[in-house]
Protein backbone atom coordinates (compact mmCIF):
# COMPACT_ATOMS: atom_id res chain seq x y z
CA UNK A 1 20.83 -6.51 2.91
CA UNK A 2 19.29 -4.96 -0.23
CA UNK A 3 17.42 -8.19 -0.96
CA UNK A 4 16.02 -8.28 2.55
CA UNK A 5 14.91 -4.67 2.33
CA UNK A 6 13.30 -5.27 -1.09
CA UNK A 7 11.49 -8.34 0.25
CA UNK A 8 10.17 -6.41 3.27
CA UNK A 9 8.90 -3.54 1.08
CA UNK A 10 7.19 -6.00 -1.28
CA UNK A 11 5.45 -7.75 1.61
CA UNK A 12 4.36 -4.42 3.03
CA UNK A 13 2.88 -3.28 -0.28
CA UNK A 14 0.90 -6.47 -0.78
CA UNK A 15 -0.37 -6.49 2.81
CA UNK A 16 -1.76 -2.94 2.48
CA UNK A 17 -4.10 -3.72 -0.41
CA UNK A 18 -7.64 -5.05 -0.04
CA UNK A 19 -7.98 -8.81 0.12
CA UNK A 20 -9.40 -10.83 -2.76
CA UNK A 21 -12.67 -11.34 -0.83
CA UNK A 22 -13.10 -7.62 -0.25
CA UNK A 23 -12.31 -6.81 -3.89
CA UNK A 24 -14.93 -9.38 -4.97
CA UNK A 25 -17.53 -7.79 -2.69
CA UNK A 26 -16.67 -4.36 -4.10
CA UNK A 27 -17.28 -5.60 -7.65
CA UNK A 28 -20.67 -7.04 -6.68
CA UNK A 29 -21.79 -3.90 -4.83
CA UNK A 30 -21.06 -1.72 -7.87
CA UNK A 31 -24.04 -0.14 -9.66
CA UNK A 32 -27.51 0.93 -8.52
CA UNK A 33 -29.62 -0.46 -5.69
CA UNK A 34 -33.02 0.28 -4.15
CA UNK A 35 -33.48 0.19 -0.38
CA UNK A 36 -36.71 -1.83 -0.45
CA UNK A 37 -37.48 -2.09 3.24
CA UNK A 38 -36.18 -1.50 6.75
CA UNK A 39 -37.10 -3.91 9.54
CA UNK A 40 -36.63 -3.48 13.30
CA UNK A 41 -35.92 -6.40 15.62
CA UNK A 42 -38.63 -5.29 18.05
CA UNK A 43 -42.20 -4.24 17.46
CA UNK A 44 -43.34 -0.80 18.43
CA UNK A 45 -43.40 2.76 17.20
CA UNK A 46 -39.77 3.86 17.00
CA UNK A 47 -38.66 7.28 15.78
CA UNK A 48 -35.29 6.22 14.35
CA UNK A 49 -33.29 8.67 12.25
CA UNK A 50 -30.89 6.67 10.08
CA UNK A 51 -27.47 8.07 9.11
CA UNK A 52 -28.39 11.31 10.92
CA UNK A 53 -30.51 12.10 7.88
CA UNK A 54 -33.96 10.55 7.49
CA UNK A 55 -36.46 8.17 9.03
CA UNK A 56 -37.43 4.71 7.84
CA UNK A 57 -40.35 5.91 5.72
CA UNK A 58 -38.16 8.39 3.82
CA UNK A 59 -35.32 5.94 3.17
CA UNK A 60 -37.51 3.07 1.99
CA UNK A 61 -37.59 3.30 -1.79
CA UNK A 62 -34.43 5.42 -1.96
CA UNK A 63 -31.94 4.65 -4.72
CA UNK A 64 -28.28 3.99 -3.96
CA UNK A 65 -25.27 4.03 -6.26
CA UNK A 66 -21.87 2.61 -5.27
CA UNK A 67 -18.61 3.45 -7.06
CA UNK A 68 -16.07 1.01 -5.56
CA UNK A 69 -12.98 2.20 -7.42
CA UNK A 70 -12.98 5.37 -5.29
CA UNK A 71 -15.21 4.12 -2.43
CA UNK A 72 -17.87 6.77 -2.94
CA UNK A 73 -21.55 6.74 -3.66
CA UNK A 74 -24.83 8.55 -3.52
CA UNK A 75 -28.33 7.89 -2.29
CA UNK A 76 -31.40 9.76 -3.42
CA UNK A 77 -34.60 10.27 -1.48
CA UNK A 78 -37.53 11.03 -3.76
CA UNK A 79 -40.49 10.83 -1.35
CA UNK A 80 -42.33 14.18 -1.55
CA UNK A 81 -43.14 13.96 2.19
CA UNK A 82 -39.41 14.04 3.02
CA UNK A 83 -36.43 16.26 2.31
CA UNK A 84 -35.78 15.08 -1.22
CA UNK A 85 -32.48 15.02 -3.04
CA UNK A 86 -29.18 13.31 -3.52
CA UNK A 87 -26.72 12.72 -0.68
CA UNK A 88 -23.08 11.71 -1.10
CA UNK A 89 -21.17 9.24 1.04
CA UNK A 90 -17.88 7.40 1.35
CA UNK A 91 -17.86 3.69 2.15
CA UNK A 92 -15.33 1.05 3.15
CA UNK A 93 -15.80 -2.72 3.14
CA UNK A 94 -13.46 -4.39 5.60
CA UNK A 95 -12.56 -8.02 6.21
CA UNK A 96 -15.04 -10.41 7.76
CA UNK A 97 -15.69 -10.03 11.47
CA UNK A 98 -14.54 -13.33 12.97
CA UNK A 99 -17.28 -13.25 15.61
CA UNK A 100 -20.24 -12.84 13.22
CA UNK A 101 -18.88 -13.92 9.84
CA UNK A 102 -20.17 -10.65 8.35
CA UNK A 103 -18.17 -8.00 6.56
CA UNK A 104 -17.69 -4.73 8.40
CA UNK A 105 -19.17 -1.92 6.35
CA UNK A 106 -18.44 1.71 7.17
CA UNK A 107 -20.68 4.39 5.65
CA UNK A 108 -19.73 8.03 6.14
CA UNK A 109 -21.98 10.75 4.71
CA UNK A 110 -20.08 13.62 3.11
CA UNK A 111 -20.77 17.18 4.18
CA UNK A 112 -21.79 16.22 7.71
CA UNK A 113 -20.60 18.77 10.20
CA UNK A 114 -19.68 16.24 12.91
CA UNK A 115 -17.61 13.98 10.62
CA UNK A 116 -19.62 10.93 11.79
CA UNK A 117 -19.55 7.52 10.15
CA UNK A 118 -21.81 4.52 10.69
CA UNK A 119 -20.60 0.96 11.13
CA UNK A 120 -22.88 -1.74 9.76
CA UNK A 121 -22.71 -5.47 9.18
CA UNK A 122 -22.86 -6.47 5.53
CA UNK A 123 -24.87 -9.64 6.17
CA UNK A 124 -25.57 -10.64 2.58
CA UNK A 125 -24.36 -9.53 -0.83
CA UNK A 126 -25.31 -11.39 -3.98
CA UNK A 127 -25.69 -10.26 -7.59
CA UNK A 128 -29.29 -9.16 -6.83
CA UNK A 129 -29.70 -8.62 -3.09
CA UNK A 130 -27.86 -6.91 -0.27
CA UNK A 131 -28.67 -6.84 3.45
CA UNK A 132 -27.18 -4.49 6.04
CA UNK A 133 -27.65 -4.73 9.77
CA UNK A 134 -26.97 -2.05 12.34
CA UNK A 135 -26.74 -2.94 16.03
CA UNK A 136 -27.69 -0.19 18.48
CA UNK A 137 -28.86 0.03 22.08
CA UNK A 138 -32.36 1.25 22.98
CA UNK A 139 -33.19 1.69 26.66
CA UNK A 140 -30.22 -0.50 27.57
CA UNK A 141 -31.11 -3.48 25.37
CA UNK A 142 -29.90 -4.50 21.90
CA UNK A 143 -31.93 -3.28 18.95
CA UNK A 144 -31.27 -4.41 15.37
CA UNK A 145 -32.07 -2.49 12.21
CA UNK A 146 -32.03 -4.56 9.03
CA UNK A 147 -31.94 -2.84 5.64
CA UNK A 148 -32.82 -4.87 2.53
CA UNK A 149 -31.72 -3.80 -0.94
CA UNK A 150 -32.38 -5.11 -4.45
CA UNK A 151 -30.22 -4.34 -7.46
CA UNK A 152 -31.83 -2.25 -10.20
């Protein structure tokens, strides 16, 4: 009975940790990135506020730092035409979505009064580039926002 209980506890402990693939992605995401550009799936003049914080023009060129050992990070907006400064966030990389093949990425800004997080697809992550995609609905039809990063 003791052996069975020990075996069950061991299995439970190993199943709760992040998978090897997720740990690898967390190592690659570590360090500093620049959000180089944001692309919409449809043409037009859209007034999108990303992460309940800033528009496309303010976030392009922002610097991002990820600290995977405690799943936190910061991004800094330094465009003088925007509300400048550093913002903190918490992030979680989850296993691959079987339907898309992308990792689920959850970004939750700290100090937001509504406790809102944003789910994104981590479409690509290499040593030098990262691509996020957010799927939203605009006027009843799908609208994709793609965010391209390069490592500093």
